[in-house]
Amino acid sequence: MRPTIQLFPPDLIARIVDEAVRVLAQVGMEVFGQQLRERLLEAGLRLDATGQRLLFPEDVTRRAIASAPSSITEISSSPHSRS
């Protein structure tokens, strides 16, 4: 069995995620790639009052988080690493 590392306790992870969801919904994020920006707007995201940042509604962000893997396996790319 490979060792696992948990950097943060679950309650702190939940607080970090909740705050990130809030920031994306209320502050938004600048998206500089024109094609991506257009696709996100077509998908229903909206711009902030300045027209500079895309706002990510909470449900969109939570669905994206839910679709992400809960863990990853790190594998060395070094040919000399031990298995």
C-alpha atoms as a PDB file:
ATOM      1  CA  MET A   1       0.000   0.000   0.000  1.00  0.00           C
ATOM      2  CA  ARG A   2       1.292   3.418  -0.910  1.00  0.00           C
ATOM      3  CA  PRO A   3       1.435   6.122   1.735  1.00  0.00           C
ATOM      4  CA  THR A   4      -1.135   8.908   1.622  1.00  0.00           C
ATOM      5  CA  ILE A   5      -0.771  12.512   2.673  1.00  0.00           C
ATOM      6  CA  GLN A   6      -3.593  14.659   3.959  1.00  0.00           C
ATOM      7  CA  LEU A   7      -2.424  18.251   4.155  1.00  0.00           C
ATOM      8  CA  PHE A   8      -5.559  19.754   5.672  1.00  0.00           C
ATOM      9  CA  PRO A   9      -8.279  18.427   7.947  1.00  0.00           C
ATOM     10  CA  PRO A  10     -11.692  17.952   6.250  1.00  0.00           C
ATOM     11  CA  ASP A  11     -13.334  20.879   8.072  1.00  0.00           C
ATOM     12  CA  LEU A  12     -10.631  23.273   6.862  1.00  0.00           C
ATOM     13  CA  ILE A  13     -10.966  21.960   3.302  1.00  0.00           C
ATOM     14  CA  ALA A  14     -14.715  22.619   3.462  1.00  0.00           C
ATOM     15  CA  ARG A  15     -14.101  26.197   4.664  1.00  0.00           C
ATOM     16  CA  ILE A  16     -11.576  26.828   1.878  1.00  0.00           C
ATOM     17  CA  VAL A  17     -13.955  25.453  -0.764  1.00  0.00           C
ATOM     18  CA  ASP A  18     -16.894  27.487   0.573  1.00  0.00           C
ATOM     19  CA  GLU A  19     -14.825  30.677   0.471  1.00  0.00           C
ATOM     20  CA  ALA A  20     -13.567  29.941  -3.049  1.00  0.00           C
ATOM     21  CA  VAL A  21     -17.144  29.350  -4.221  1.00  0.00           C
ATOM     22  CA  ARG A  22     -18.190  32.665  -2.676  1.00  0.00           C
ATOM     23  CA  VAL A  23     -15.311  34.576  -4.310  1.00  0.00           C
ATOM     24  CA  LEU A  24     -16.033  33.092  -7.753  1.00  0.00           C
ATOM     25  CA  ALA A  25     -19.726  34.000  -7.426  1.00  0.00           C
ATOM     26  CA  GLN A  26     -19.283  37.511  -6.030  1.00  0.00           C
ATOM     27  CA  VAL A  27     -15.909  38.705  -7.354  1.00  0.00           C
ATOM     28  CA  GLY A  28     -15.493  36.489 -10.383  1.00  0.00           C
ATOM     29  CA  MET A  29     -12.452  35.794 -12.487  1.00  0.00           C
ATOM     30  CA  GLU A  30     -10.872  37.476 -15.480  1.00  0.00           C
ATOM     31  CA  VAL A  31     -10.742  35.162 -18.488  1.00  0.00           C
ATOM     32  CA  PHE A  32      -8.398  36.412 -21.192  1.00  0.00           C
ATOM     33  CA  GLY A  33      -8.874  33.692 -23.798  1.00  0.00           C
ATOM     34  CA  GLN A  34     -11.546  35.066 -26.113  1.00  0.00           C
ATOM     35  CA  GLN A  35     -12.901  31.675 -27.212  1.00  0.00           C
ATOM     36  CA  LEU A  36     -13.166  30.391 -23.648  1.00  0.00           C
ATOM     37  CA  ARG A  37     -14.750  33.643 -22.510  1.00  0.00           C
ATOM     38  CA  GLU A  38     -17.372  33.408 -25.278  1.00  0.00           C
ATOM     39  CA  ARG A  39     -18.107  29.757 -24.476  1.00  0.00           C
ATOM     40  CA  LEU A  40     -18.603  30.537 -20.790  1.00  0.00           C
ATOM     41  CA  LEU A  41     -20.928  33.429 -21.600  1.00  0.00           C
ATOM     42  CA  GLU A  42     -22.878  31.209 -24.018  1.00  0.00           C
ATOM     43  CA  ALA A  43     -23.139  28.614 -21.222  1.00  0.00           C
ATOM     44  CA  GLY A  44     -24.928  31.157 -19.056  1.00  0.00           C
ATOM     45  CA  LEU A  45     -22.231  32.804 -16.976  1.00  0.00           C
ATOM     46  CA  ARG A  46     -22.555  36.556 -16.668  1.00  0.00           C
ATOM     47  CA  LEU A  47     -20.189  39.467 -16.377  1.00  0.00           C
ATOM     48  CA  ASP A  48     -19.666  41.620 -13.316  1.00  0.00           C
ATOM     49  CA  ALA A  49     -20.700  45.293 -13.309  1.00  0.00           C
ATOM     50  CA  THR A  50     -17.382  46.355 -14.897  1.00  0.00           C
ATOM     51  CA  GLY A  51     -17.687  43.827 -17.723  1.00  0.00           C
ATOM     52  CA  GLN A  52     -14.199  42.550 -16.933  1.00  0.00           C
ATOM     53  CA  ARG A  53     -14.800  39.444 -14.831  1.00  0.00           C
ATOM     54  CA  LEU A  54     -16.955  36.397 -15.323  1.00  0.00           C
ATOM     55  CA  LEU A  55     -19.111  35.468 -12.351  1.00  0.00           C
ATOM     56  CA  PHE A  56     -19.457  31.758 -11.632  1.00  0.00           C
ATOM     57  CA  PRO A  57     -22.779  30.935  -9.956  1.00  0.00           C
ATOM     58  CA  GLU A  58     -22.467  28.691  -6.910  1.00  0.00           C
ATOM     59  CA  ASP A  59     -24.270  25.760  -8.541  1.00  0.00           C
ATOM     60  CA  VAL A  60     -21.899  25.822 -11.532  1.00  0.00           C
ATOM     61  CA  THR A  61     -18.830  25.808  -9.302  1.00  0.00           C
ATOM     62  CA  ARG A  62     -20.187  23.089  -7.010  1.00  0.00           C
ATOM     63  CA  ARG A  63     -21.007  20.870 -10.014  1.00  0.00           C
ATOM     64  CA  ALA A  64     -17.483  21.345 -11.339  1.00  0.00           C
ATOM     65  CA  ILE A  65     -16.015  20.435  -7.945  1.00  0.00           C
ATOM     66  CA  ALA A  66     -18.266  17.381  -7.690  1.00  0.00           C
ATOM     67  CA  SER A  67     -17.052  16.149 -11.081  1.00  0.00           C
ATOM     68  CA  ALA A  68     -13.371  16.370 -10.087  1.00  0.00           C
ATOM     69  CA  PRO A  69     -11.570  13.334  -8.655  1.00  0.00           C
ATOM     70  CA  SER A  70     -11.426  13.250  -4.851  1.00  0.00           C
ATOM     71  CA  SER A  71      -7.779  12.200  -4.946  1.00  0.00           C
ATOM     72  CA  ILE A  72      -4.897  11.795  -7.353  1.00  0.00           C
ATOM     73  CA  THR A  73      -2.062   9.316  -7.595  1.00  0.00           C
ATOM     74  CA  GLU A  74       1.328  10.867  -8.057  1.00  0.00           C
ATOM     75  CA  ILE A  75       3.721   8.822 -10.156  1.00  0.00           C
ATOM     76  CA  SER A  76       7.361   9.681 -10.616  1.00  0.00           C
ATOM     77  CA  SER A  77       8.457  10.370 -14.175  1.00  0.00           C
ATOM     78  CA  SER A  78      12.006   9.415 -13.278  1.00  0.00           C
ATOM     79  CA  PRO A  79      13.114   6.108 -14.830  1.00  0.00           C
ATOM     80  CA  HIS A  80      15.273   5.490 -11.740  1.00  0.00           C
ATOM     81  CA  SER A  81      12.441   5.677  -9.209  1.00  0.00           C
ATOM     82  CA  ARG A  82      11.499   2.627  -7.211  1.00  0.00           C
ATOM     83  CA  SER A  83       8.017   1.157  -7.430  1.00  0.00           C
END
